[in-house]
């Protein structure tokens, strides 16, 4: 665990500050650098819950793009999982935001969808994702929800992965509504 933490700090220092590790290590890909900046923000410990969810979601997006090939994939993936173990719950004031003047509900929906598309149902990350925008359960995700998510960082791979998960959830629930990617 200590070795992993050292690698995370070294990666963040290399990418964010151009620190001493930057002289001896080839700079990672731009996607990996963005991931490292997200880790740096989270490790800062001065970020609030929304900033933390933003950083985790962008980090998950970086992983989902498939462009993290510098040997850092496992490190970034593991960081999200371990960090999500420490998140006990979603603050209740975020669960009851109505009306939404600042777009927080759309942001939380995007974060939920990125995390659900990137991580399996039996992970710590999924446990947190399900609680974000709990008013939109997985089996209720529709095309309009994908349209909202496309306003943020999104790609076709995320659409495919989440579409399969939603379809599977609907089959398990006995729903006959079909694919979430078809207008209803």
N, C-alpha and C. Protein backbone atom coordinates (compact mmCIF):
# COMPACT_ATOMS: atom_id res chain seq x y z
N UNK A 1 0.83 -1.20 0.00
CA UNK A 1 0.00 0.00 0.00
C UNK A 1 0.87 1.26 0.00
N UNK A 2 1.94 1.24 0.79
CA UNK A 2 2.83 2.39 0.85
C UNK A 2 3.49 2.64 -0.50
N UNK A 3 3.87 1.57 -1.20
CA UNK A 3 4.47 1.69 -2.51
C UNK A 3 3.50 2.35 -3.50
N UNK A 4 2.23 1.95 -3.43
CA UNK A 4 1.21 2.54 -4.31
C UNK A 4 1.03 4.01 -4.00
N UNK A 5 0.97 4.36 -2.72
CA UNK A 5 0.83 5.76 -2.33
C UNK A 5 2.02 6.58 -2.84
N UNK A 6 3.21 6.03 -2.75
CA UNK A 6 4.41 6.72 -3.24
C UNK A 6 4.30 6.95 -4.74
N UNK A 7 3.82 5.96 -5.49
CA UNK A 7 3.66 6.10 -6.94
C UNK A 7 2.62 7.17 -7.27
N UNK A 8 1.51 7.20 -6.50
CA UNK A 8 0.47 8.21 -6.73
C UNK A 8 1.05 9.60 -6.51
N UNK A 9 1.75 9.80 -5.39
CA UNK A 9 2.33 11.11 -5.11
C UNK A 9 3.37 11.50 -6.16
N UNK A 10 4.18 10.55 -6.59
CA UNK A 10 5.20 10.81 -7.60
C UNK A 10 4.55 11.20 -8.93
N UNK A 11 3.51 10.45 -9.33
CA UNK A 11 2.80 10.76 -10.57
C UNK A 11 2.18 12.15 -10.49
N UNK A 12 1.52 12.45 -9.39
CA UNK A 12 0.88 13.76 -9.23
C UNK A 12 1.93 14.86 -9.27
N UNK A 13 3.04 14.65 -8.59
CA UNK A 13 4.10 15.66 -8.56
C UNK A 13 4.69 15.86 -9.95
N UNK A 14 4.91 14.78 -10.68
CA UNK A 14 5.46 14.86 -12.03
C UNK A 14 4.54 15.64 -12.96
N UNK A 15 3.25 15.33 -12.89
CA UNK A 15 2.29 15.92 -13.84
C UNK A 15 1.84 17.32 -13.46
N UNK A 16 1.66 17.55 -12.17
CA UNK A 16 1.07 18.81 -11.74
C UNK A 16 2.13 19.89 -11.53
N UNK A 17 3.23 19.52 -10.88
CA UNK A 17 4.21 20.53 -10.51
C UNK A 17 5.48 20.46 -11.34
N UNK A 18 5.65 19.40 -12.11
CA UNK A 18 6.91 19.24 -12.83
C UNK A 18 8.06 19.05 -11.84
N UNK A 19 7.76 18.40 -10.72
CA UNK A 19 8.69 18.22 -9.61
C UNK A 19 9.88 17.36 -9.96
N UNK A 20 10.65 16.96 -8.93
CA UNK A 20 11.89 16.21 -9.15
C UNK A 20 11.68 14.93 -9.95
N UNK A 21 10.55 14.29 -9.77
CA UNK A 21 10.30 13.05 -10.51
C UNK A 21 10.23 13.31 -12.02
N UNK A 22 9.90 14.53 -12.42
CA UNK A 22 9.78 14.87 -13.83
C UNK A 22 11.11 14.77 -14.57
N UNK A 23 12.22 14.96 -13.85
CA UNK A 23 13.52 14.91 -14.49
C UNK A 23 13.95 13.49 -14.84
N UNK A 24 13.49 12.52 -14.04
CA UNK A 24 13.95 11.15 -14.25
C UNK A 24 12.92 10.26 -14.94
N UNK A 25 11.70 10.74 -15.13
CA UNK A 25 10.64 9.92 -15.69
C UNK A 25 10.08 10.60 -16.93
N UNK A 26 9.82 9.82 -17.96
CA UNK A 26 9.19 10.36 -19.16
C UNK A 26 7.78 10.80 -18.80
N UNK A 27 7.36 11.95 -19.29
CA UNK A 27 6.04 12.47 -18.96
C UNK A 27 4.96 11.53 -19.48
N UNK A 28 3.97 11.25 -18.66
CA UNK A 28 2.86 10.38 -19.07
C UNK A 28 2.00 11.05 -20.15
N UNK A 29 1.10 10.26 -20.73
CA UNK A 29 0.19 10.78 -21.76
C UNK A 29 -0.68 11.89 -21.17
N UNK A 30 -1.25 12.75 -22.03
CA UNK A 30 -2.12 13.82 -21.52
C UNK A 30 -3.29 13.28 -20.68
N UNK A 31 -3.87 12.17 -21.08
CA UNK A 31 -4.98 11.60 -20.31
C UNK A 31 -4.51 11.18 -18.92
N UNK A 32 -3.36 10.58 -18.84
CA UNK A 32 -2.80 10.18 -17.55
C UNK A 32 -2.48 11.41 -16.72
N UNK A 33 -2.01 12.48 -17.35
CA UNK A 33 -1.72 13.71 -16.63
C UNK A 33 -2.99 14.30 -16.03
N UNK A 34 -4.09 14.27 -16.77
CA UNK A 34 -5.36 14.76 -16.23
C UNK A 34 -5.77 13.90 -15.04
N UNK A 35 -5.61 12.58 -15.18
CA UNK A 35 -5.91 11.68 -14.07
C UNK A 35 -5.09 12.01 -12.84
N UNK A 36 -3.80 12.30 -13.05
CA UNK A 36 -2.92 12.65 -11.93
C UNK A 36 -3.36 13.95 -11.27
N UNK A 37 -3.81 14.92 -12.08
CA UNK A 37 -4.29 16.17 -11.50
C UNK A 37 -5.54 15.93 -10.66
N UNK A 38 -6.40 15.03 -11.10
CA UNK A 38 -7.60 14.68 -10.31
C UNK A 38 -7.18 14.07 -8.97
N UNK A 39 -6.21 13.17 -9.02
CA UNK A 39 -5.72 12.56 -7.78
C UNK A 39 -5.13 13.63 -6.86
N UNK A 40 -4.37 14.54 -7.43
CA UNK A 40 -3.78 15.62 -6.64
C UNK A 40 -4.85 16.47 -5.96
N UNK A 41 -5.92 16.77 -6.69
CA UNK A 41 -7.02 17.54 -6.12
C UNK A 41 -7.66 16.79 -4.95
N UNK A 42 -7.90 15.51 -5.14
CA UNK A 42 -8.53 14.70 -4.08
C UNK A 42 -7.61 14.60 -2.86
N UNK A 43 -6.32 14.40 -3.08
CA UNK A 43 -5.38 14.27 -1.97
C UNK A 43 -5.16 15.59 -1.25
N UNK A 44 -5.54 16.69 -1.88
CA UNK A 44 -5.41 18.01 -1.29
C UNK A 44 -6.20 18.12 0.02
N UNK A 45 -7.28 17.38 0.13
CA UNK A 45 -8.14 17.33 1.32
C UNK A 45 -8.85 18.64 1.63
N UNK A 46 -8.69 19.64 0.78
CA UNK A 46 -9.43 20.87 1.00
C UNK A 46 -10.61 20.99 0.05
N UNK A 47 -10.85 19.95 -0.73
CA UNK A 47 -11.96 20.01 -1.68
C UNK A 47 -13.26 19.57 -0.99
N UNK A 48 -14.36 20.13 -1.44
CA UNK A 48 -15.66 19.74 -0.89
C UNK A 48 -16.16 18.49 -1.62
N UNK A 49 -17.31 18.00 -1.22
CA UNK A 49 -17.83 16.75 -1.78
C UNK A 49 -18.05 16.85 -3.29
N UNK A 50 -18.59 17.96 -3.78
CA UNK A 50 -18.84 18.10 -5.22
C UNK A 50 -17.53 18.10 -6.00
N UNK A 51 -16.51 18.79 -5.49
CA UNK A 51 -15.21 18.79 -6.16
C UNK A 51 -14.60 17.39 -6.16
N UNK A 52 -14.78 16.68 -5.06
CA UNK A 52 -14.28 15.31 -4.96
C UNK A 52 -14.96 14.40 -5.98
N UNK A 53 -16.29 14.51 -6.11
CA UNK A 53 -17.04 13.71 -7.09
C UNK A 53 -16.64 14.10 -8.51
N UNK A 54 -16.43 15.40 -8.75
CA UNK A 54 -15.97 15.85 -10.06
C UNK A 54 -14.63 15.19 -10.40
N UNK A 55 -13.69 15.25 -9.48
CA UNK A 55 -12.36 14.67 -9.72
C UNK A 55 -12.45 13.17 -9.95
N UNK A 56 -13.24 12.47 -9.14
CA UNK A 56 -13.40 11.02 -9.32
C UNK A 56 -14.04 10.69 -10.67
N UNK A 57 -15.02 11.48 -11.07
CA UNK A 57 -15.72 11.23 -12.34
C UNK A 57 -14.82 11.51 -13.54
N UNK A 58 -14.05 12.59 -13.48
CA UNK A 58 -13.12 12.87 -14.57
C UNK A 58 -12.04 11.79 -14.62
N UNK A 59 -11.59 11.35 -13.46
CA UNK A 59 -10.61 10.26 -13.41
C UNK A 59 -11.20 8.99 -14.03
N UNK A 60 -12.45 8.67 -13.71
CA UNK A 60 -13.12 7.50 -14.31
C UNK A 60 -13.26 7.68 -15.82
N UNK A 61 -13.56 8.90 -16.25
CA UNK A 61 -13.65 9.17 -17.69
C UNK A 61 -12.30 8.92 -18.36
N UNK A 62 -11.23 9.36 -17.73
CA UNK A 62 -9.89 9.13 -18.29
C UNK A 62 -9.64 7.64 -18.47
N UNK A 63 -10.03 6.86 -17.49
CA UNK A 63 -9.87 5.41 -17.58
C UNK A 63 -10.74 4.85 -18.70
N UNK A 64 -11.97 5.35 -18.82
CA UNK A 64 -12.91 4.83 -19.81
C UNK A 64 -12.49 5.14 -21.24
N UNK A 65 -11.69 6.18 -21.44
CA UNK A 65 -11.27 6.52 -22.80
C UNK A 65 -10.31 5.48 -23.36
N UNK A 66 -9.70 4.71 -22.48
CA UNK A 66 -8.74 3.70 -22.94
C UNK A 66 -7.40 4.29 -23.32
N UNK A 67 -7.16 5.55 -23.00
CA UNK A 67 -5.92 6.22 -23.38
C UNK A 67 -4.88 6.21 -22.26
N UNK A 68 -5.20 5.62 -21.13
CA UNK A 68 -4.25 5.54 -20.02
C UNK A 68 -3.46 4.25 -20.22
N UNK A 69 -2.34 4.35 -20.94
CA UNK A 69 -1.58 3.16 -21.30
C UNK A 69 -0.16 3.18 -20.76
N UNK A 70 0.17 4.15 -19.96
CA UNK A 70 1.54 4.32 -19.49
C UNK A 70 1.89 3.41 -18.32
N UNK A 71 1.15 2.34 -18.13
CA UNK A 71 1.38 1.51 -16.96
C UNK A 71 0.69 2.09 -15.73
N UNK A 72 -0.10 3.14 -15.92
CA UNK A 72 -0.77 3.80 -14.81
C UNK A 72 -2.23 3.39 -14.67
N UNK A 73 -2.74 2.58 -15.60
CA UNK A 73 -4.15 2.20 -15.57
C UNK A 73 -4.54 1.61 -14.22
N UNK A 74 -3.82 0.61 -13.77
CA UNK A 74 -4.12 -0.05 -12.49
C UNK A 74 -4.02 0.90 -11.32
N UNK A 75 -3.05 1.79 -11.38
CA UNK A 75 -2.86 2.77 -10.31
C UNK A 75 -4.06 3.72 -10.22
N UNK A 76 -4.49 4.26 -11.36
CA UNK A 76 -5.62 5.19 -11.36
C UNK A 76 -6.92 4.46 -10.98
N UNK A 77 -7.10 3.28 -11.55
CA UNK A 77 -8.30 2.49 -11.27
C UNK A 77 -8.36 2.13 -9.77
N UNK A 78 -7.26 1.68 -9.24
CA UNK A 78 -7.20 1.31 -7.83
C UNK A 78 -7.42 2.51 -6.92
N UNK A 79 -6.89 3.66 -7.31
CA UNK A 79 -7.07 4.86 -6.50
C UNK A 79 -8.55 5.18 -6.32
N UNK A 80 -9.31 5.12 -7.40
CA UNK A 80 -10.74 5.42 -7.31
C UNK A 80 -11.42 4.44 -6.36
N UNK A 81 -11.13 3.16 -6.53
CA UNK A 81 -11.78 2.14 -5.69
C UNK A 81 -11.46 2.35 -4.21
N UNK A 82 -10.18 2.56 -3.91
CA UNK A 82 -9.78 2.74 -2.51
C UNK A 82 -10.36 4.02 -1.95
N UNK A 83 -10.35 5.08 -2.73
CA UNK A 83 -10.90 6.35 -2.24
C UNK A 83 -12.40 6.24 -1.98
N UNK A 84 -13.11 5.55 -2.84
CA UNK A 84 -14.56 5.40 -2.65
C UNK A 84 -14.89 4.59 -1.39
N UNK A 85 -13.98 3.73 -0.96
CA UNK A 85 -14.21 2.99 0.29
C UNK A 85 -14.29 3.95 1.47
N UNK A 86 -13.58 5.07 1.37
CA UNK A 86 -13.58 6.04 2.46
C UNK A 86 -14.77 7.00 2.45
N UNK A 87 -15.52 7.01 1.36
CA UNK A 87 -16.70 7.88 1.30
C UNK A 87 -17.86 7.12 1.93
N UNK A 88 -18.31 7.58 3.04
CA UNK A 88 -19.37 6.87 3.76
C UNK A 88 -20.75 7.09 3.17
N UNK A 89 -21.03 8.33 2.79
CA UNK A 89 -22.37 8.61 2.28
C UNK A 89 -22.37 9.91 1.50
N UNK A 90 -23.40 10.08 0.72
CA UNK A 90 -23.61 11.31 -0.02
C UNK A 90 -24.28 12.30 0.94
N UNK A 91 -23.76 13.53 1.05
CA UNK A 91 -24.39 14.50 1.96
C UNK A 91 -25.87 14.67 1.66
N UNK A 92 -26.67 14.65 2.71
CA UNK A 92 -28.13 14.68 2.53
C UNK A 92 -28.61 15.95 1.84
N UNK A 93 -27.90 17.07 1.99
CA UNK A 93 -28.35 18.30 1.33
C UNK A 93 -28.24 18.19 -0.19
N UNK A 94 -27.45 17.24 -0.70
CA UNK A 94 -27.38 17.03 -2.15
C UNK A 94 -28.48 16.11 -2.64
N UNK A 95 -29.07 15.36 -1.73
CA UNK A 95 -30.12 14.42 -2.12
C UNK A 95 -31.48 15.10 -2.25
N UNK A 96 -31.61 16.28 -1.70
CA UNK A 96 -32.92 16.94 -1.67
C UNK A 96 -32.90 18.31 -2.35
N UNK A 97 -32.04 18.51 -3.31
CA UNK A 97 -31.93 19.81 -3.98
C UNK A 97 -33.08 20.01 -4.97
N UNK A 98 -34.04 20.76 -4.61
CA UNK A 98 -35.13 21.13 -5.50
C UNK A 98 -35.54 22.56 -5.17
N UNK A 99 -35.74 23.45 -6.08
CA UNK A 99 -35.35 23.37 -7.48
C UNK A 99 -33.85 23.52 -7.64
N UNK A 100 -33.36 23.26 -8.82
CA UNK A 100 -31.93 23.23 -9.07
C UNK A 100 -31.51 24.40 -9.95
N UNK A 101 -31.14 25.51 -9.33
CA UNK A 101 -30.74 26.69 -10.09
C UNK A 101 -29.33 26.62 -10.64
N UNK A 102 -28.48 25.80 -10.06
CA UNK A 102 -27.07 25.80 -10.41
C UNK A 102 -26.64 24.62 -11.27
N UNK A 103 -27.56 23.75 -11.67
CA UNK A 103 -27.21 22.61 -12.50
C UNK A 103 -26.57 21.47 -11.72
N UNK A 104 -26.69 21.49 -10.40
CA UNK A 104 -26.08 20.45 -9.57
C UNK A 104 -26.71 19.09 -9.89
N UNK A 105 -28.01 19.04 -10.09
CA UNK A 105 -28.66 17.76 -10.37
C UNK A 105 -28.15 17.15 -11.68
N UNK A 106 -27.98 17.97 -12.71
CA UNK A 106 -27.44 17.47 -13.98
C UNK A 106 -26.00 17.00 -13.81
N UNK A 107 -25.22 17.76 -13.05
CA UNK A 107 -23.83 17.37 -12.79
C UNK A 107 -23.78 16.03 -12.05
N UNK A 108 -24.61 15.87 -11.02
CA UNK A 108 -24.62 14.62 -10.25
C UNK A 108 -25.11 13.45 -11.13
N UNK A 109 -26.04 13.72 -12.04
CA UNK A 109 -26.49 12.68 -12.96
C UNK A 109 -25.34 12.24 -13.86
N UNK A 110 -24.60 13.22 -14.41
CA UNK A 110 -23.44 12.89 -15.25
C UNK A 110 -22.42 12.07 -14.47
N UNK A 111 -22.10 12.51 -13.25
CA UNK A 111 -21.13 11.79 -12.43
C UNK A 111 -21.60 10.36 -12.18
N UNK A 112 -22.88 10.22 -11.86
CA UNK A 112 -23.44 8.89 -11.63
C UNK A 112 -23.29 8.01 -12.87
N UNK A 113 -23.63 8.56 -14.02
CA UNK A 113 -23.60 7.77 -15.25
C UNK A 113 -22.18 7.40 -15.66
N UNK A 114 -21.21 8.30 -15.48
CA UNK A 114 -19.82 7.98 -15.80
C UNK A 114 -19.32 6.86 -14.88
N UNK A 115 -19.59 6.99 -13.60
CA UNK A 115 -19.12 5.98 -12.65
C UNK A 115 -19.81 4.63 -12.87
N UNK A 116 -21.11 4.66 -13.17
CA UNK A 116 -21.82 3.41 -13.44
C UNK A 116 -21.34 2.74 -14.73
N UNK A 117 -21.01 3.56 -15.73
CA UNK A 117 -20.55 3.01 -17.01
C UNK A 117 -19.13 2.44 -16.89
N UNK A 118 -18.35 2.97 -15.97
CA UNK A 118 -16.94 2.58 -15.87
C UNK A 118 -16.71 1.43 -14.90
N UNK A 119 -17.55 1.30 -13.88
CA UNK A 119 -17.31 0.30 -12.83
C UNK A 119 -18.44 -0.71 -12.72
N UNK A 120 -18.08 -1.93 -12.37
CA UNK A 120 -19.04 -3.02 -12.22
C UNK A 120 -19.96 -2.80 -11.02
N UNK A 121 -21.04 -3.57 -11.00
CA UNK A 121 -22.07 -3.41 -9.97
C UNK A 121 -21.60 -3.79 -8.57
N UNK A 122 -20.54 -4.55 -8.43
CA UNK A 122 -20.12 -5.02 -7.11
C UNK A 122 -18.90 -4.27 -6.58
N UNK A 123 -18.72 -3.02 -6.96
CA UNK A 123 -17.56 -2.24 -6.52
C UNK A 123 -17.97 -1.13 -5.56
N UNK A 124 -16.98 -0.61 -4.84
CA UNK A 124 -17.23 0.52 -3.95
C UNK A 124 -17.66 1.75 -4.74
N UNK A 125 -17.09 1.92 -5.91
CA UNK A 125 -17.43 3.07 -6.75
C UNK A 125 -18.90 3.01 -7.15
N UNK A 126 -19.38 1.84 -7.49
CA UNK A 126 -20.79 1.67 -7.85
C UNK A 126 -21.69 2.03 -6.67
N UNK A 127 -21.28 1.65 -5.46
CA UNK A 127 -22.06 1.94 -4.25
C UNK A 127 -22.28 3.45 -4.10
N UNK A 128 -21.24 4.23 -4.37
CA UNK A 128 -21.37 5.69 -4.30
C UNK A 128 -22.20 6.21 -5.47
N UNK A 129 -21.95 5.70 -6.67
CA UNK A 129 -22.65 6.17 -7.87
C UNK A 129 -24.15 5.99 -7.75
N UNK A 130 -24.58 4.88 -7.21
CA UNK A 130 -26.01 4.60 -7.08
C UNK A 130 -26.69 5.65 -6.19
N UNK A 131 -25.96 6.16 -5.20
CA UNK A 131 -26.53 7.14 -4.28
C UNK A 131 -26.62 8.54 -4.88
N UNK A 132 -25.80 8.82 -5.89
CA UNK A 132 -25.89 10.12 -6.56
C UNK A 132 -27.16 10.14 -7.39
N UNK A 133 -27.93 11.18 -7.27
CA UNK A 133 -29.20 11.28 -7.99
C UNK A 133 -30.00 9.98 -7.82
N UNK A 134 -30.22 9.60 -6.57
CA UNK A 134 -30.96 8.38 -6.25
C UNK A 134 -32.36 8.40 -6.85
N UNK A 135 -32.86 9.58 -7.19
CA UNK A 135 -34.19 9.68 -7.80
C UNK A 135 -34.21 9.14 -9.23
N UNK A 136 -33.02 8.86 -9.78
CA UNK A 136 -32.91 8.26 -11.11
C UNK A 136 -32.19 6.92 -10.96
N UNK A 137 -32.93 5.86 -10.60
CA UNK A 137 -32.27 4.55 -10.47
C UNK A 137 -31.79 4.05 -11.82
N UNK A 138 -30.85 3.12 -11.77
CA UNK A 138 -30.23 2.60 -12.99
C UNK A 138 -31.25 2.15 -14.03
N UNK A 139 -32.26 1.41 -13.61
CA UNK A 139 -33.23 0.89 -14.58
C UNK A 139 -34.12 1.98 -15.18
N UNK A 140 -34.09 3.20 -14.58
CA UNK A 140 -34.93 4.30 -15.09
C UNK A 140 -34.17 5.26 -16.00
N UNK A 141 -32.91 4.99 -16.27
CA UNK A 141 -32.13 5.87 -17.13
C UNK A 141 -32.68 5.79 -18.55
N UNK A 142 -32.93 6.95 -19.14
CA UNK A 142 -33.52 7.06 -20.47
C UNK A 142 -32.61 7.86 -21.39
N UNK A 143 -33.00 7.99 -22.63
CA UNK A 143 -32.24 8.73 -23.63
C UNK A 143 -31.99 10.17 -23.18
N UNK A 144 -32.97 10.80 -22.58
CA UNK A 144 -32.80 12.19 -22.13
C UNK A 144 -31.68 12.31 -21.10
N UNK A 145 -31.47 11.26 -20.30
CA UNK A 145 -30.38 11.28 -19.32
C UNK A 145 -29.02 11.21 -20.04
N UNK A 146 -28.95 10.43 -21.11
CA UNK A 146 -27.72 10.39 -21.91
C UNK A 146 -27.46 11.75 -22.55
N UNK A 147 -28.54 12.41 -23.01
CA UNK A 147 -28.40 13.74 -23.61
C UNK A 147 -27.82 14.73 -22.61
N UNK A 148 -28.26 14.66 -21.36
CA UNK A 148 -27.71 15.53 -20.31
C UNK A 148 -26.23 15.24 -20.12
N UNK A 149 -25.87 13.97 -20.06
CA UNK A 149 -24.47 13.59 -19.83
C UNK A 149 -23.55 14.00 -20.96
N UNK A 150 -24.07 14.05 -22.18
CA UNK A 150 -23.25 14.45 -23.32
C UNK A 150 -22.82 15.91 -23.25
N UNK A 151 -23.47 16.69 -22.40
CA UNK A 151 -23.06 18.09 -22.22
C UNK A 151 -21.73 18.19 -21.48
N UNK A 152 -21.37 17.15 -20.77
CA UNK A 152 -20.12 17.09 -20.02
C UNK A 152 -19.14 16.25 -20.83
N UNK A 153 -18.21 15.57 -20.16
CA UNK A 153 -17.29 14.65 -20.83
C UNK A 153 -18.04 13.34 -21.05
N UNK A 154 -18.08 12.89 -22.31
CA UNK A 154 -18.80 11.65 -22.62
C UNK A 154 -18.25 11.09 -23.92
N UNK A 155 -18.38 9.77 -24.12
CA UNK A 155 -17.98 9.18 -25.39
C UNK A 155 -18.87 7.97 -25.69
N UNK A 156 -18.73 7.44 -26.89
CA UNK A 156 -19.57 6.32 -27.32
C UNK A 156 -19.34 5.06 -26.49
N UNK A 157 -18.12 4.87 -26.01
CA UNK A 157 -17.83 3.71 -25.18
C UNK A 157 -18.66 3.75 -23.89
N UNK A 158 -18.77 4.92 -23.28
CA UNK A 158 -19.59 5.06 -22.07
C UNK A 158 -21.06 4.77 -22.38
N UNK A 159 -21.54 5.26 -23.53
CA UNK A 159 -22.92 5.01 -23.92
C UNK A 159 -23.17 3.51 -24.06
N UNK A 160 -22.26 2.81 -24.72
CA UNK A 160 -22.42 1.36 -24.90
C UNK A 160 -22.40 0.62 -23.58
N UNK A 161 -21.41 0.92 -22.74
CA UNK A 161 -21.28 0.22 -21.45
C UNK A 161 -22.49 0.45 -20.56
N UNK A 162 -22.92 1.70 -20.47
CA UNK A 162 -24.06 1.99 -19.60
C UNK A 162 -25.35 1.46 -20.20
N UNK A 163 -25.49 1.52 -21.52
CA UNK A 163 -26.68 0.97 -22.17
C UNK A 163 -26.85 -0.51 -21.87
N UNK A 164 -25.75 -1.25 -21.90
CA UNK A 164 -25.80 -2.68 -21.58
C UNK A 164 -26.19 -2.89 -20.12
N UNK A 165 -25.61 -2.09 -19.22
CA UNK A 165 -25.94 -2.23 -17.79
C UNK A 165 -27.40 -1.92 -17.51
N UNK A 166 -27.90 -0.85 -18.12
CA UNK A 166 -29.30 -0.49 -17.92
C UNK A 166 -30.21 -1.57 -18.46
N UNK A 167 -29.90 -2.05 -19.67
CA UNK A 167 -30.71 -3.13 -20.26
C UNK A 167 -30.73 -4.37 -19.38
N UNK A 168 -29.57 -4.74 -18.86
CA UNK A 168 -29.48 -5.91 -17.97
C UNK A 168 -30.30 -5.68 -16.69
N UNK A 169 -30.23 -4.49 -16.14
CA UNK A 169 -30.98 -4.16 -14.93
C UNK A 169 -32.48 -4.24 -15.18
N UNK A 170 -32.90 -3.80 -16.36
CA UNK A 170 -34.32 -3.85 -16.70
C UNK A 170 -34.80 -5.29 -16.85
N UNK A 171 -33.98 -6.14 -17.45
CA UNK A 171 -34.35 -7.55 -17.60
C UNK A 171 -34.50 -8.20 -16.23
N UNK A 172 -33.54 -7.93 -15.34
CA UNK A 172 -33.60 -8.48 -13.98
C UNK A 172 -34.85 -7.99 -13.26
N UNK A 173 -35.23 -6.74 -13.49
CA UNK A 173 -36.40 -6.16 -12.83
C UNK A 173 -37.71 -6.58 -13.51
N UNK A 174 -37.62 -7.29 -14.63
CA UNK A 174 -38.83 -7.75 -15.32
C UNK A 174 -39.49 -6.67 -16.17
N UNK A 175 -38.75 -5.61 -16.49
CA UNK A 175 -39.31 -4.52 -17.29
C UNK A 175 -39.33 -4.90 -18.77
N UNK A 176 -40.29 -4.38 -19.49
CA UNK A 176 -40.39 -4.64 -20.92
C UNK A 176 -40.22 -3.35 -21.72
N UNK A 177 -39.50 -2.36 -21.12
CA UNK A 177 -39.39 -1.07 -21.76
C UNK A 177 -38.31 -1.00 -22.83
N UNK A 178 -37.42 -1.99 -22.91
CA UNK A 178 -36.43 -2.00 -23.97
C UNK A 178 -35.20 -1.19 -23.63
N UNK A 179 -34.46 -0.86 -24.68
CA UNK A 179 -33.19 -0.16 -24.55
C UNK A 179 -33.38 1.27 -24.07
N UNK A 180 -32.45 1.76 -23.22
CA UNK A 180 -32.53 3.15 -22.79
C UNK A 180 -32.13 4.11 -23.90
N UNK A 181 -31.57 3.59 -24.98
CA UNK A 181 -31.08 4.44 -26.05
C UNK A 181 -32.13 4.70 -27.11
N UNK A 182 -33.35 4.22 -26.88
CA UNK A 182 -34.45 4.43 -27.81
C UNK A 182 -35.45 5.37 -27.14
N UNK A 183 -35.86 6.38 -27.86
CA UNK A 183 -36.82 7.33 -27.29
C UNK A 183 -38.11 6.62 -26.93
N UNK A 184 -38.61 6.94 -25.71
CA UNK A 184 -39.89 6.37 -25.27
C UNK A 184 -40.86 7.46 -24.96
